[in-house]
Each structure stands twice: as C-alpha cells, then as structure tokens.
C-alpha cells in the first residue's frame, strides 16, 4: 500500500516549496479528511466485525471466521498507525516551516507498517481462499486428522504471516534507514516488497479461485460431492457444505481493484504537475479505503452477516445454544 506523502521528496525542501504546494493544497486537505474517515470509521467497523465473531462461541472456532478476524485486525495497523502518521505529515506540510525531522520519522512509520499491513492482508486473503479450496475439494478433511495437527495448522496460519512479514520488513528497512539521515526506499526495494507481499499472493489467489470456479461449473455445481459419493459414513451428511463463491469473488475484485491501481500509480505515476499529483493521491485513497471496503464481501457469509447485524455488546445476555447453531446452519442456505 502506497504512502500518500511519498510524493514529497527531500529535494522539495527549497524556496519553491510553497509554489509546489499551492495548487495541491486542496487535494492535501481532502486526503486528510479521507484519512480521518479511515481512522474513525475504519477502526470502528473492523473492531465491530472482529469482536462480534470472537464473542460467538460457535463462530470463533471456524477457520474461515478466524481468518476474517485476523484480516480485520491487520486493517487496524492502517487505521490506528499508518493513516494517523499520514495526517501528521500532511498537517506539518500545510503549516510552515516544514520540519524535515517530522517528515523523516512519519515516512519511516508509514513505509514500514504500510508494507506490513498490505502484505499481511494479501497473504491472509490467500490463506482464506486456500482454506476454501481445501473445503471445496475435501469437505471433511479435518475430521480425518488429529485434533492436535489441526490446531497446530490453524495457529501457524494465523501467526506465521505476522512473524515473517513484520520481521522481514522491519529488519530490511531499518538497515536502509541507518545508512541515511532521512528515510527513503529505493525503487528496486519497493519492487521487491510489492512482488512478494502483493503480486505473488494476489495472483495465486486469483488463479486458484478461477480454477475452482471452472471445476464447479464442470461438475454441474457440485462441490466435492463426486469425491465422497462412495462414502458410507453418515456423519458426512451432517457436515456443512463449502461456502458459496460470491464472497470470495468479491473479495478478489476489491483486492485487484485496489492493488492494481496502487501498483500502476506507484511505478508509473508522476508528480510533475497538479493533475498527476491528484491522480496519485486518489489512487492512494482508494488503496487506504480497502480497510473498509474489504469487509463487505465477508458480510455475504450468512453466519457472519447475522452475527454482525444482531450483536449488541451493551446487552448482557447469553444466547441459547439453538441461536448459535442457527448461525452455522445459515451457511448452508
């Protein structure tokens, strides 16, 4: 995810800075407004979705729902840290004298955590689609594995992306920062981050989802029924069927729309005039809005939609078991 203030490079610390800033001031103020919306509404929505799922004794044990919560938590990195850093940077630009130290520190925070948040989201969506793929092809695979192995796999899926992406990003960027008085990521390094954190997981997710959809079409809409048609275990009939494709398709559409726009502007966008600057910032705003737009596809899951729409934390009551079971049964409707 691109940092919107990356347009302001160190060479702009000149007497002509006000000349550069004047035609762009209105855009900067608008971006600050969008960032404030991201901080407030984005934080509220992601906390609400994650908390509503985690407080449900039934929903929080489903891997798909756990991944949705993990994605919502990764969004909070943007809403609570990256966007506020952007706001501080822009406010400093609008109120001269411009403090270079503020710029350097804010850019460091934005770049490190911006890449962490983007990479986490894309890889968690990849694992979400991978889980859907497994459930599509082998609906009852978890029943045939030991509970310990299933638990270890779930923990790894949730923790490994955070450990690998966070440590790799912080270590590599810290080394670059220590070599310069002011932080600036080389274009080659940005290419590496975007390739590993965005292009690879997004392309794999899109290809897997497309292959699964074509497979379902060839099977006449049956999801894994051919594989288990000869099984006599009656428990298979009681297991939940794989999810519908629509939530995953819409999730990929949002990812592609935000990431492709961001990548094109990141590597092809220029800031030589106000028009190019406005286009670049509009793309960055769209990329940042993903922390809110990205939640919409998950509301297409009946159990999540029902829980999110009816959960009221200020009402202290315990739902009967039948209610919680109904939330899961809705997944099959």
C-alpha atoms as a PDB file:
ATOM      1  CA  UNK A   1       0.000   0.000   0.000  1.00  0.00           C
ATOM      2  CA  UNK A   2       1.470   3.305  -1.057  1.00  0.00           C
ATOM      3  CA  UNK A   3       2.134   6.089   1.422  1.00  0.00           C
ATOM      4  CA  UNK A   4       0.319   9.161   0.158  1.00  0.00           C
ATOM      5  CA  UNK A   5       3.002  11.576   1.355  1.00  0.00           C
ATOM      6  CA  UNK A   6       5.698   9.811  -0.617  1.00  0.00           C
ATOM      7  CA  UNK A   7       5.250  12.466  -3.290  1.00  0.00           C
ATOM      8  CA  UNK A   8       7.172  14.912  -1.109  1.00  0.00           C
ATOM      9  CA  UNK A   9      10.802  14.023  -1.694  1.00  0.00           C
ATOM     10  CA  UNK A  10      13.745  15.644   0.080  1.00  0.00           C
ATOM     11  CA  UNK A  11      14.602  17.806  -2.939  1.00  0.00           C
ATOM     12  CA  UNK A  12      11.416  19.780  -2.293  1.00  0.00           C
ATOM     13  CA  UNK A  13      12.983  21.435   0.744  1.00  0.00           C
ATOM     14  CA  UNK A  14      13.658  24.594  -1.248  1.00  0.00           C
ATOM     15  CA  UNK A  15      12.391  28.133  -1.565  1.00  0.00           C
ATOM     16  CA  UNK A  16       9.978  26.963  -4.267  1.00  0.00           C
ATOM     17  CA  UNK A  17       8.164  24.622  -1.904  1.00  0.00           C
ATOM     18  CA  UNK A  18       5.221  26.997  -1.485  1.00  0.00           C
ATOM     19  CA  UNK A  19       4.941  27.225  -5.260  1.00  0.00           C
ATOM     20  CA  UNK A  20       4.731  23.463  -5.426  1.00  0.00           C
ATOM     21  CA  UNK A  21       2.238  23.252  -2.559  1.00  0.00           C
ATOM     22  CA  UNK A  22      -0.219  25.967  -3.623  1.00  0.00           C
ATOM     23  CA  UNK A  23      -2.088  24.092  -6.425  1.00  0.00           C
ATOM     24  CA  UNK A  24      -2.085  20.913  -4.370  1.00  0.00           C
ATOM     25  CA  UNK A  25      -3.318  22.319  -1.073  1.00  0.00           C
ATOM     26  CA  UNK A  26      -6.973  21.459  -1.671  1.00  0.00           C
ATOM     27  CA  UNK A  27      -6.090  17.876  -2.563  1.00  0.00           C
ATOM     28  CA  UNK A  28      -3.973  17.525   0.564  1.00  0.00           C
ATOM     29  CA  UNK A  29      -6.828  18.783   2.745  1.00  0.00           C
ATOM     30  CA  UNK A  30      -9.188  16.290   1.077  1.00  0.00           C
ATOM     31  CA  UNK A  31      -6.748  13.439   1.676  1.00  0.00           C
ATOM     32  CA  UNK A  32      -6.529  14.427   5.350  1.00  0.00           C
ATOM     33  CA  UNK A  33     -10.323  14.215   5.530  1.00  0.00           C
ATOM     34  CA  UNK A  34     -10.332  10.763   3.957  1.00  0.00           C
ATOM     35  CA  UNK A  35      -7.583   9.667   6.338  1.00  0.00           C
ATOM     36  CA  UNK A  36      -9.654  10.855   9.300  1.00  0.00           C
ATOM     37  CA  UNK A  37     -12.593   8.832   7.978  1.00  0.00           C
ATOM     38  CA  UNK A  38     -10.320   5.813   7.642  1.00  0.00           C
ATOM     39  CA  UNK A  39      -9.079   6.251  11.210  1.00  0.00           C
ATOM     40  CA  UNK A  40     -12.522   6.611  12.788  1.00  0.00           C
ATOM     41  CA  UNK A  41     -14.996   4.619  10.707  1.00  0.00           C
ATOM     42  CA  UNK A  42     -12.399   2.064   9.625  1.00  0.00           C
ATOM     43  CA  UNK A  43     -11.372   1.348  13.203  1.00  0.00           C
ATOM     44  CA  UNK A  44     -14.986   1.062  14.359  1.00  0.00           C
ATOM     45  CA  UNK A  45     -16.034  -1.310  11.557  1.00  0.00           C
ATOM     46  CA  UNK A  46     -13.044  -3.616  11.879  1.00  0.00           C
ATOM     47  CA  UNK A  47     -13.273  -3.783  15.673  1.00  0.00           C
ATOM     48  CA  UNK A  48     -17.012  -4.453  15.438  1.00  0.00           C
ATOM     49  CA  UNK A  49     -16.624  -7.299  12.935  1.00  0.00           C
ATOM     50  CA  UNK A  50     -13.739  -8.924  14.811  1.00  0.00           C
ATOM     51  CA  UNK A  51     -15.356  -8.571  18.239  1.00  0.00           C
ATOM     52  CA  UNK A  52     -18.752  -9.838  17.089  1.00  0.00           C
ATOM     53  CA  UNK A  53     -17.164 -13.008  15.710  1.00  0.00           C
ATOM     54  CA  UNK A  54     -14.776 -13.604  18.598  1.00  0.00           C
ATOM     55  CA  UNK A  55     -17.570 -13.293  21.162  1.00  0.00           C
ATOM     56  CA  UNK A  56     -19.568 -16.047  19.466  1.00  0.00           C
ATOM     57  CA  UNK A  57     -18.699 -19.442  20.938  1.00  0.00           C
ATOM     58  CA  UNK A  58     -19.592 -21.149  17.666  1.00  0.00           C
ATOM     59  CA  UNK A  59     -18.293 -18.764  15.027  1.00  0.00           C
ATOM     60  CA  UNK A  60     -14.856 -18.223  16.540  1.00  0.00           C
ATOM     61  CA  UNK A  61     -13.962 -21.913  16.156  1.00  0.00           C
ATOM     62  CA  UNK A  62     -14.378 -21.842  12.353  1.00  0.00           C
ATOM     63  CA  UNK A  63     -11.097 -21.262  10.479  1.00  0.00           C
ATOM     64  CA  UNK A  64     -12.740 -19.051   7.879  1.00  0.00           C
ATOM     65  CA  UNK A  65     -14.129 -16.767  10.567  1.00  0.00           C
ATOM     66  CA  UNK A  66     -10.790 -16.708  12.390  1.00  0.00           C
ATOM     67  CA  UNK A  67      -9.078 -15.544   9.191  1.00  0.00           C
ATOM     68  CA  UNK A  68     -11.693 -12.823   8.718  1.00  0.00           C
ATOM     69  CA  UNK A  69     -10.909 -11.621  12.256  1.00  0.00           C
ATOM     70  CA  UNK A  70      -7.189 -11.712  11.515  1.00  0.00           C
ATOM     71  CA  UNK A  71      -7.728  -9.634   8.382  1.00  0.00           C
ATOM     72  CA  UNK A  72      -9.781  -7.122  10.366  1.00  0.00           C
ATOM     73  CA  UNK A  73      -7.003  -6.894  12.965  1.00  0.00           C
ATOM     74  CA  UNK A  74      -4.414  -6.322  10.225  1.00  0.00           C
ATOM     75  CA  UNK A  75      -6.590  -3.463   8.948  1.00  0.00           C
ATOM     76  CA  UNK A  76      -6.165  -1.781  12.333  1.00  0.00           C
ATOM     77  CA  UNK A  77      -2.470  -1.291  11.556  1.00  0.00           C
ATOM     78  CA  UNK A  78      -3.598   1.083   8.808  1.00  0.00           C
ATOM     79  CA  UNK A  79      -6.367   2.814  10.736  1.00  0.00           C
ATOM     80  CA  UNK A  80      -4.505   3.252  14.042  1.00  0.00           C
ATOM     81  CA  UNK A  81      -0.915   3.872  12.909  1.00  0.00           C
ATOM     82  CA  UNK A  82      -0.333   4.427   9.184  1.00  0.00           C
ATOM     83  CA  UNK A  83      -3.202   6.832   8.481  1.00  0.00           C
ATOM     84  CA  UNK A  84      -2.508   8.937  11.617  1.00  0.00           C
ATOM     85  CA  UNK A  85       1.143   9.191  10.529  1.00  0.00           C
ATOM     86  CA  UNK A  86      -0.019  10.429   7.120  1.00  0.00           C
ATOM     87  CA  UNK A  87      -2.229  13.025   8.780  1.00  0.00           C
ATOM     88  CA  UNK A  88       0.652  14.289  10.928  1.00  0.00           C
ATOM     89  CA  UNK A  89       2.882  14.526   7.877  1.00  0.00           C
ATOM     90  CA  UNK A  90       0.337  16.444   5.808  1.00  0.00           C
ATOM     91  CA  UNK A  91      -0.551  18.822   8.643  1.00  0.00           C
ATOM     92  CA  UNK A  92       3.128  19.596   9.030  1.00  0.00           C
ATOM     93  CA  UNK A  93       3.343  20.336   5.303  1.00  0.00           C
ATOM     94  CA  UNK A  94       0.373  22.701   5.447  1.00  0.00           C
ATOM     95  CA  UNK A  95       1.797  24.706   8.349  1.00  0.00           C
ATOM     96  CA  UNK A  96       5.293  26.010   7.564  1.00  0.00           C
ATOM     97  CA  UNK A  97       8.051  25.994   8.490  1.00  0.00           C
ATOM     98  CA  UNK A  98       8.219  22.408   7.322  1.00  0.00           C
ATOM     99  CA  UNK A  99      10.015  20.192   9.824  1.00  0.00           C
ATOM    100  CA  UNK A 100      12.198  17.690   8.000  1.00  0.00           C
ATOM    101  CA  UNK A 101      12.550  15.553  11.143  1.00  0.00           C
ATOM    102  CA  UNK A 102       8.779  15.055  11.312  1.00  0.00           C
ATOM    103  CA  UNK A 103       8.746  14.083   7.658  1.00  0.00           C
ATOM    104  CA  UNK A 104      11.538  11.545   8.116  1.00  0.00           C
ATOM    105  CA  UNK A 105      10.006   9.886  11.168  1.00  0.00           C
ATOM    106  CA  UNK A 106       6.485   9.833   9.708  1.00  0.00           C
ATOM    107  CA  UNK A 107       7.710   8.380   6.424  1.00  0.00           C
ATOM    108  CA  UNK A 108       9.576   5.649   8.277  1.00  0.00           C
ATOM    109  CA  UNK A 109       6.440   4.657  10.190  1.00  0.00           C
ATOM    110  CA  UNK A 110       4.273   4.815   7.073  1.00  0.00           C
ATOM    111  CA  UNK A 111       6.651   2.794   4.935  1.00  0.00           C
ATOM    112  CA  UNK A 112       7.412   0.055   7.454  1.00  0.00           C
ATOM    113  CA  UNK A 113       3.893  -0.504   8.754  1.00  0.00           C
ATOM    114  CA  UNK A 114       2.265   0.315   5.413  1.00  0.00           C
ATOM    115  CA  UNK A 115       4.108  -2.556   3.754  1.00  0.00           C
ATOM    116  CA  UNK A 116       3.450  -4.804   6.759  1.00  0.00           C
ATOM    117  CA  UNK A 117      -0.288  -4.126   6.649  1.00  0.00           C
ATOM    118  CA  UNK A 118      -0.531  -4.594   2.883  1.00  0.00           C
ATOM    119  CA  UNK A 119       1.455  -7.827   2.928  1.00  0.00           C
ATOM    120  CA  UNK A 120      -0.492  -9.234   5.865  1.00  0.00           C
ATOM    121  CA  UNK A 121      -3.849  -8.548   4.258  1.00  0.00           C
ATOM    122  CA  UNK A 122      -2.934 -10.055   0.893  1.00  0.00           C
ATOM    123  CA  UNK A 123      -1.388 -13.192   2.379  1.00  0.00           C
ATOM    124  CA  UNK A 124      -4.252 -13.701   4.851  1.00  0.00           C
ATOM    125  CA  UNK A 125      -6.711 -13.470   1.954  1.00  0.00           C
ATOM    126  CA  UNK A 126      -4.590 -16.079   0.191  1.00  0.00           C
ATOM    127  CA  UNK A 127      -4.933 -18.399   3.203  1.00  0.00           C
ATOM    128  CA  UNK A 128      -8.664 -17.659   3.323  1.00  0.00           C
ATOM    129  CA  UNK A 129      -9.056 -18.791  -0.284  1.00  0.00           C
ATOM    130  CA  UNK A 130      -6.744 -21.760   0.326  1.00  0.00           C
ATOM    131  CA  UNK A 131      -8.986 -22.885   3.200  1.00  0.00           C
ATOM    132  CA  UNK A 132     -11.993 -22.534   0.903  1.00  0.00           C
ATOM    133  CA  UNK A 133     -10.148 -24.615  -1.708  1.00  0.00           C
ATOM    134  CA  UNK A 134      -9.468 -27.416   0.781  1.00  0.00           C
ATOM    135  CA  UNK A 135     -13.065 -27.400   1.985  1.00  0.00           C
ATOM    136  CA  UNK A 136     -14.269 -27.401  -1.621  1.00  0.00           C
ATOM    137  CA  UNK A 137     -12.224 -30.438  -2.636  1.00  0.00           C
ATOM    138  CA  UNK A 138     -12.155 -32.295   0.700  1.00  0.00           C
ATOM    139  CA  UNK A 139     -15.117 -31.087   2.794  1.00  0.00           C
ATOM    140  CA  UNK A 140     -14.352 -33.436   5.695  1.00  0.00           C
ATOM    141  CA  UNK A 141     -10.567 -33.458   5.653  1.00  0.00           C
ATOM    142  CA  UNK A 142     -10.304 -32.041   9.179  1.00  0.00           C
ATOM    143  CA  UNK A 143     -12.336 -34.963  10.540  1.00  0.00           C
ATOM    144  CA  UNK A 144      -9.665 -37.374   9.307  1.00  0.00           C
ATOM    145  CA  UNK A 145      -6.788 -35.557  11.017  1.00  0.00           C
ATOM    146  CA  UNK A 146      -5.822 -35.488  14.662  1.00  0.00           C
ATOM    147  CA  UNK A 147      -7.170 -32.514  16.628  1.00  0.00           C
ATOM    148  CA  UNK A 148      -3.620 -31.572  17.622  1.00  0.00           C
ATOM    149  CA  UNK A 149      -2.477 -31.383  13.994  1.00  0.00           C
ATOM    150  CA  UNK A 150      -5.486 -29.276  13.022  1.00  0.00           C
ATOM    151  CA  UNK A 151      -4.833 -26.908  15.927  1.00  0.00           C
ATOM    152  CA  UNK A 152      -1.157 -26.523  15.018  1.00  0.00           C
ATOM    153  CA  UNK A 153      -2.069 -25.763  11.390  1.00  0.00           C
ATOM    154  CA  UNK A 154      -4.567 -23.106  12.465  1.00  0.00           C
ATOM    155  CA  UNK A 155      -2.051 -21.442  14.774  1.00  0.00           C
ATOM    156  CA  UNK A 156       0.577 -21.438  12.019  1.00  0.00           C
ATOM    157  CA  UNK A 157      -1.813 -19.887   9.504  1.00  0.00           C
ATOM    158  CA  UNK A 158      -2.549 -17.026  11.899  1.00  0.00           C
ATOM    159  CA  UNK A 159       0.896 -16.375  13.373  1.00  0.00           C
ATOM    160  CA  UNK A 160       3.422 -17.144  10.614  1.00  0.00           C
ATOM    161  CA  UNK A 161       2.357 -14.264   8.296  1.00  0.00           C
ATOM    162  CA  UNK A 162       2.684 -11.771  11.152  1.00  0.00           C
ATOM    163  CA  UNK A 163       6.098 -13.066  12.223  1.00  0.00           C
ATOM    164  CA  UNK A 164       7.629 -13.369   8.755  1.00  0.00           C
ATOM    165  CA  UNK A 165       6.282 -10.186   7.179  1.00  0.00           C
ATOM    166  CA  UNK A 166       6.775  -7.966  10.224  1.00  0.00           C
ATOM    167  CA  UNK A 167      10.309  -9.120  10.995  1.00  0.00           C
ATOM    168  CA  UNK A 168      11.459  -9.105   7.363  1.00  0.00           C
ATOM    169  CA  UNK A 169      10.084  -5.614   6.730  1.00  0.00           C
ATOM    170  CA  UNK A 170      11.403  -4.042   9.921  1.00  0.00           C
ATOM    171  CA  UNK A 171      14.886  -5.560   9.600  1.00  0.00           C
ATOM    172  CA  UNK A 172      15.351  -4.662   5.936  1.00  0.00           C
ATOM    173  CA  UNK A 173      14.000  -1.121   6.217  1.00  0.00           C
ATOM    174  CA  UNK A 174      15.896  -0.440   9.440  1.00  0.00           C
ATOM    175  CA  UNK A 175      19.147  -1.287   7.681  1.00  0.00           C
ATOM    176  CA  UNK A 176      18.343   1.202   4.922  1.00  0.00           C
ATOM    177  CA  UNK A 177      17.286   3.862   7.400  1.00  0.00           C
ATOM    178  CA  UNK A 178      20.523   3.602   9.380  1.00  0.00           C
ATOM    179  CA  UNK A 179      22.518   4.319   6.234  1.00  0.00           C
ATOM    180  CA  UNK A 180      20.778   7.646   5.518  1.00  0.00           C
ATOM    181  CA  UNK A 181      19.919  10.743   7.506  1.00  0.00           C
ATOM    182  CA  UNK A 182      16.394  10.699   6.101  1.00  0.00           C
ATOM    183  CA  UNK A 183      14.396   7.641   5.183  1.00  0.00           C
ATOM    184  CA  UNK A 184      13.822   6.810   1.531  1.00  0.00           C
ATOM    185  CA  UNK A 185      13.124   3.392  -0.021  1.00  0.00           C
ATOM    186  CA  UNK A 186      14.903   2.672  -3.331  1.00  0.00           C
ATOM    187  CA  UNK A 187      12.588   1.783  -6.211  1.00  0.00           C
ATOM    188  CA  UNK A 188      14.200  -1.660  -6.529  1.00  0.00           C
ATOM    189  CA  UNK A 189      13.345  -2.428  -2.912  1.00  0.00           C
ATOM    190  CA  UNK A 190       9.761  -1.277  -3.407  1.00  0.00           C
ATOM    191  CA  UNK A 191       9.519  -3.668  -6.352  1.00  0.00           C
ATOM    192  CA  UNK A 192      10.705  -6.492  -4.098  1.00  0.00           C
ATOM    193  CA  UNK A 193       8.163  -5.671  -1.395  1.00  0.00           C
ATOM    194  CA  UNK A 194       5.273  -5.324  -3.814  1.00  0.00           C
ATOM    195  CA  UNK A 195       6.189  -8.537  -5.625  1.00  0.00           C
ATOM    196  CA  UNK A 196       6.471 -10.704  -2.505  1.00  0.00           C
ATOM    197  CA  UNK A 197       3.762  -9.009  -0.454  1.00  0.00           C
ATOM    198  CA  UNK A 198       1.168  -8.232  -3.120  1.00  0.00           C
ATOM    199  CA  UNK A 199       1.691  -9.634  -6.608  1.00  0.00           C
ATOM    200  CA  UNK A 200       2.510 -13.231  -5.619  1.00  0.00           C
ATOM    201  CA  UNK A 201      -0.368 -13.874  -3.153  1.00  0.00           C
ATOM    202  CA  UNK A 202      -2.896 -11.945  -5.250  1.00  0.00           C
ATOM    203  CA  UNK A 203      -2.063 -13.778  -8.481  1.00  0.00           C
ATOM    204  CA  UNK A 204      -2.080 -17.193  -6.802  1.00  0.00           C
ATOM    205  CA  UNK A 205      -5.395 -16.431  -5.086  1.00  0.00           C
ATOM    206  CA  UNK A 206      -6.996 -15.277  -8.332  1.00  0.00           C
ATOM    207  CA  UNK A 207      -5.763 -18.332 -10.258  1.00  0.00           C
ATOM    208  CA  UNK A 208      -6.886 -20.788  -7.573  1.00  0.00           C
ATOM    209  CA  UNK A 209     -10.304 -19.187  -7.288  1.00  0.00           C
ATOM    210  CA  UNK A 210     -10.735 -19.201 -11.075  1.00  0.00           C
ATOM    211  CA  UNK A 211      -9.718 -22.864 -11.297  1.00  0.00           C
ATOM    212  CA  UNK A 212     -12.149 -23.820  -8.535  1.00  0.00           C
ATOM    213  CA  UNK A 213     -14.984 -21.938 -10.203  1.00  0.00           C
ATOM    214  CA  UNK A 214     -14.351 -23.663 -13.539  1.00  0.00           C
ATOM    215  CA  UNK A 215     -14.158 -27.008 -11.743  1.00  0.00           C
ATOM    216  CA  UNK A 216     -17.500 -26.374 -10.104  1.00  0.00           C
ATOM    217  CA  UNK A 217     -19.040 -25.471 -13.448  1.00  0.00           C
ATOM    218  CA  UNK A 218     -17.806 -28.739 -14.935  1.00  0.00           C
ATOM    219  CA  UNK A 219     -19.267 -30.647 -12.007  1.00  0.00           C
ATOM    220  CA  UNK A 220     -22.618 -29.018 -12.505  1.00  0.00           C
ATOM    221  CA  UNK A 221     -22.475 -27.043  -9.269  1.00  0.00           C
ATOM    222  CA  UNK A 222     -21.470 -29.922  -7.005  1.00  0.00           C
ATOM    223  CA  UNK A 223     -18.753 -29.058  -4.517  1.00  0.00           C
ATOM    224  CA  UNK A 224     -16.747 -32.144  -3.821  1.00  0.00           C
ATOM    225  CA  UNK A 225     -19.738 -34.479  -3.991  1.00  0.00           C
ATOM    226  CA  UNK A 226     -18.094 -36.711  -6.582  1.00  0.00           C
ATOM    227  CA  UNK A 227     -15.115 -37.286  -4.338  1.00  0.00           C
ATOM    228  CA  UNK A 228     -17.228 -38.536  -1.455  1.00  0.00           C
ATOM    229  CA  UNK A 229     -20.098 -40.166  -3.341  1.00  0.00           C
ATOM    230  CA  UNK A 230     -18.963 -43.635  -2.323  1.00  0.00           C
ATOM    231  CA  UNK A 231     -18.545 -42.873   1.385  1.00  0.00           C
ATOM    232  CA  UNK A 232     -20.929 -44.644   3.770  1.00  0.00           C
ATOM    233  CA  UNK A 233     -20.181 -42.559   6.836  1.00  0.00           C
ATOM    234  CA  UNK A 234     -23.441 -40.915   7.879  1.00  0.00           C
ATOM    235  CA  UNK A 235     -21.538 -38.101   9.579  1.00  0.00           C
ATOM    236  CA  UNK A 236     -20.651 -36.698   6.177  1.00  0.00           C
ATOM    237  CA  UNK A 237     -24.268 -35.716   5.623  1.00  0.00           C
ATOM    238  CA  UNK A 238     -24.235 -33.565   8.740  1.00  0.00           C
ATOM    239  CA  UNK A 239     -21.138 -31.582   7.779  1.00  0.00           C
ATOM    240  CA  UNK A 240     -21.536 -28.059   6.426  1.00  0.00           C
ATOM    241  CA  UNK A 241     -21.213 -27.706   2.681  1.00  0.00           C
ATOM    242  CA  UNK A 242     -18.497 -25.472   1.217  1.00  0.00           C
ATOM    243  CA  UNK A 243     -19.250 -21.758   1.082  1.00  0.00           C
ATOM    244  CA  UNK A 244     -20.668 -20.071  -1.955  1.00  0.00           C
ATOM    245  CA  UNK A 245     -18.208 -18.484  -4.353  1.00  0.00           C
ATOM    246  CA  UNK A 246     -19.635 -14.960  -4.293  1.00  0.00           C
ATOM    247  CA  UNK A 247     -17.912 -13.700  -1.081  1.00  0.00           C
ATOM    248  CA  UNK A 248     -14.515 -14.856  -2.313  1.00  0.00           C
ATOM    249  CA  UNK A 249     -15.040 -13.477  -5.808  1.00  0.00           C
ATOM    250  CA  UNK A 250     -15.999 -10.059  -4.455  1.00  0.00           C
ATOM    251  CA  UNK A 251     -13.047 -10.138  -2.059  1.00  0.00           C
ATOM    252  CA  UNK A 252     -10.703 -10.732  -5.001  1.00  0.00           C
ATOM    253  CA  UNK A 253     -12.360  -7.987  -7.066  1.00  0.00           C
ATOM    254  CA  UNK A 254     -11.715  -5.472  -4.278  1.00  0.00           C
ATOM    255  CA  UNK A 255      -8.126  -6.671  -3.850  1.00  0.00           C
ATOM    256  CA  UNK A 256      -7.428  -6.425  -7.581  1.00  0.00           C
ATOM    257  CA  UNK A 257      -9.076  -3.008  -7.921  1.00  0.00           C
ATOM    258  CA  UNK A 258      -7.109  -1.523  -5.032  1.00  0.00           C
ATOM    259  CA  UNK A 259      -3.770  -3.216  -5.630  1.00  0.00           C
ATOM    260  CA  UNK A 260      -3.617  -2.848  -9.424  1.00  0.00           C
ATOM    261  CA  UNK A 261      -4.457   0.839  -9.136  1.00  0.00           C
ATOM    262  CA  UNK A 262      -1.855   1.257  -6.439  1.00  0.00           C
ATOM    263  CA  UNK A 263       0.861  -0.592  -8.377  1.00  0.00           C
ATOM    264  CA  UNK A 264       0.250   1.332 -11.604  1.00  0.00           C
ATOM    265  CA  UNK A 265       0.409   4.680  -9.852  1.00  0.00           C
ATOM    266  CA  UNK A 266       3.312   3.615  -7.652  1.00  0.00           C
ATOM    267  CA  UNK A 267       5.570   2.739 -10.562  1.00  0.00           C
ATOM    268  CA  UNK A 268       4.104   4.810 -13.403  1.00  0.00           C
ATOM    269  CA  UNK A 269       2.581   7.792 -11.618  1.00  0.00           C
ATOM    270  CA  UNK A 270       4.380  11.134 -11.712  1.00  0.00           C
ATOM    271  CA  UNK A 271       4.109  14.288  -9.620  1.00  0.00           C
ATOM    272  CA  UNK A 272       5.340  16.840 -12.132  1.00  0.00           C
ATOM    273  CA  UNK A 273       2.061  18.762 -12.118  1.00  0.00           C
ATOM    274  CA  UNK A 274      -1.071  19.128 -10.005  1.00  0.00           C
ATOM    275  CA  UNK A 275      -3.151  16.790 -12.190  1.00  0.00           C
ATOM    276  CA  UNK A 276      -0.681  13.933 -11.845  1.00  0.00           C
ATOM    277  CA  UNK A 277      -0.444  14.608  -8.124  1.00  0.00           C
ATOM    278  CA  UNK A 278      -4.242  14.446  -7.759  1.00  0.00           C
ATOM    279  CA  UNK A 279      -4.434  11.152  -9.658  1.00  0.00           C
ATOM    280  CA  UNK A 280      -1.704   9.661  -7.495  1.00  0.00           C
ATOM    281  CA  UNK A 281      -3.386  10.701  -4.261  1.00  0.00           C
ATOM    282  CA  UNK A 282      -6.792   9.453  -5.457  1.00  0.00           C
ATOM    283  CA  UNK A 283      -5.290   6.026  -6.057  1.00  0.00           C
ATOM    284  CA  UNK A 284      -3.681   6.090  -2.621  1.00  0.00           C
ATOM    285  CA  UNK A 285      -7.027   6.980  -1.007  1.00  0.00           C
ATOM    286  CA  UNK A 286      -8.688   4.057  -2.816  1.00  0.00           C
ATOM    287  CA  UNK A 287      -5.951   1.764  -1.547  1.00  0.00           C
ATOM    288  CA  UNK A 288      -6.436   3.031   2.016  1.00  0.00           C
ATOM    289  CA  UNK A 289     -10.222   2.652   1.788  1.00  0.00           C
ATOM    290  CA  UNK A 290      -9.687  -1.049   1.308  1.00  0.00           C
ATOM    291  CA  UNK A 291      -9.678  -1.435   5.107  1.00  0.00           C
ATOM    292  CA  UNK A 292     -13.403  -0.644   4.947  1.00  0.00           C
ATOM    293  CA  UNK A 293     -14.410  -1.920   1.502  1.00  0.00           C
ATOM    294  CA  UNK A 294     -12.600  -5.174   2.174  1.00  0.00           C
ATOM    295  CA  UNK A 295     -15.073  -6.059   4.938  1.00  0.00           C
ATOM    296  CA  UNK A 296     -18.129  -6.020   2.677  1.00  0.00           C
ATOM    297  CA  UNK A 297     -17.580  -9.420   0.983  1.00  0.00           C
ATOM    298  CA  UNK A 298     -17.434 -11.178   4.356  1.00  0.00           C
ATOM    299  CA  UNK A 299     -20.937  -9.957   5.135  1.00  0.00           C
ATOM    300  CA  UNK A 300     -22.099 -12.238   2.315  1.00  0.00           C
ATOM    301  CA  UNK A 301     -21.439 -15.172   4.641  1.00  0.00           C
ATOM    302  CA  UNK A 302     -24.859 -15.682   6.298  1.00  0.00           C
ATOM    303  CA  UNK A 303     -23.463 -16.581   9.714  1.00  0.00           C
ATOM    304  CA  UNK A 304     -21.161 -13.546   9.850  1.00  0.00           C
ATOM    305  CA  UNK A 305     -23.833 -11.201   8.495  1.00  0.00           C
ATOM    306  CA  UNK A 306     -26.367 -12.409  11.051  1.00  0.00           C
ATOM    307  CA  UNK A 307     -23.910 -12.075  13.927  1.00  0.00           C
ATOM    308  CA  UNK A 308     -22.595  -8.641  12.927  1.00  0.00           C
ATOM    309  CA  UNK A 309     -26.085  -7.227  12.403  1.00  0.00           C
ATOM    310  CA  UNK A 310     -27.562  -8.538  15.659  1.00  0.00           C
ATOM    311  CA  UNK A 311     -24.629  -8.353  18.084  1.00  0.00           C
ATOM    312  CA  UNK A 312     -25.008  -5.669  20.730  1.00  0.00           C
ATOM    313  CA  UNK A 313     -22.149  -5.615  23.281  1.00  0.00           C
ATOM    314  CA  UNK A 314     -24.084  -3.384  25.676  1.00  0.00           C
ATOM    315  CA  UNK A 315     -26.816  -6.021  26.068  1.00  0.00           C
ATOM    316  CA  UNK A 316     -25.666  -8.525  28.662  1.00  0.00           C
ATOM    317  CA  UNK A 317     -27.352 -11.773  27.781  1.00  0.00           C
ATOM    318  CA  UNK A 318     -26.322 -15.261  26.786  1.00  0.00           C
ATOM    319  CA  UNK A 319     -27.810 -16.633  23.617  1.00  0.00           C
ATOM    320  CA  UNK A 320     -29.228 -20.144  23.879  1.00  0.00           C
ATOM    321  CA  UNK A 321     -27.382 -22.913  22.072  1.00  0.00           C
ATOM    322  CA  UNK A 322     -30.126 -23.062  19.423  1.00  0.00           C
ATOM    323  CA  UNK A 323     -29.350 -19.494  18.378  1.00  0.00           C
ATOM    324  CA  UNK A 324     -25.656 -20.162  17.929  1.00  0.00           C
ATOM    325  CA  UNK A 325     -26.371 -23.352  15.997  1.00  0.00           C
ATOM    326  CA  UNK A 326     -28.696 -21.414  13.733  1.00  0.00           C
ATOM    327  CA  UNK A 327     -25.842 -19.072  12.844  1.00  0.00           C
ATOM    328  CA  UNK A 328     -23.833 -22.003  11.486  1.00  0.00           C
ATOM    329  CA  UNK A 329     -26.792 -23.588   9.739  1.00  0.00           C
ATOM    330  CA  UNK A 330     -27.305 -20.376   7.779  1.00  0.00           C
ATOM    331  CA  UNK A 331     -24.032 -21.056   5.959  1.00  0.00           C
ATOM    332  CA  UNK A 332     -25.817 -23.803   4.045  1.00  0.00           C
ATOM    333  CA  UNK A 333     -28.742 -21.648   2.930  1.00  0.00           C
END
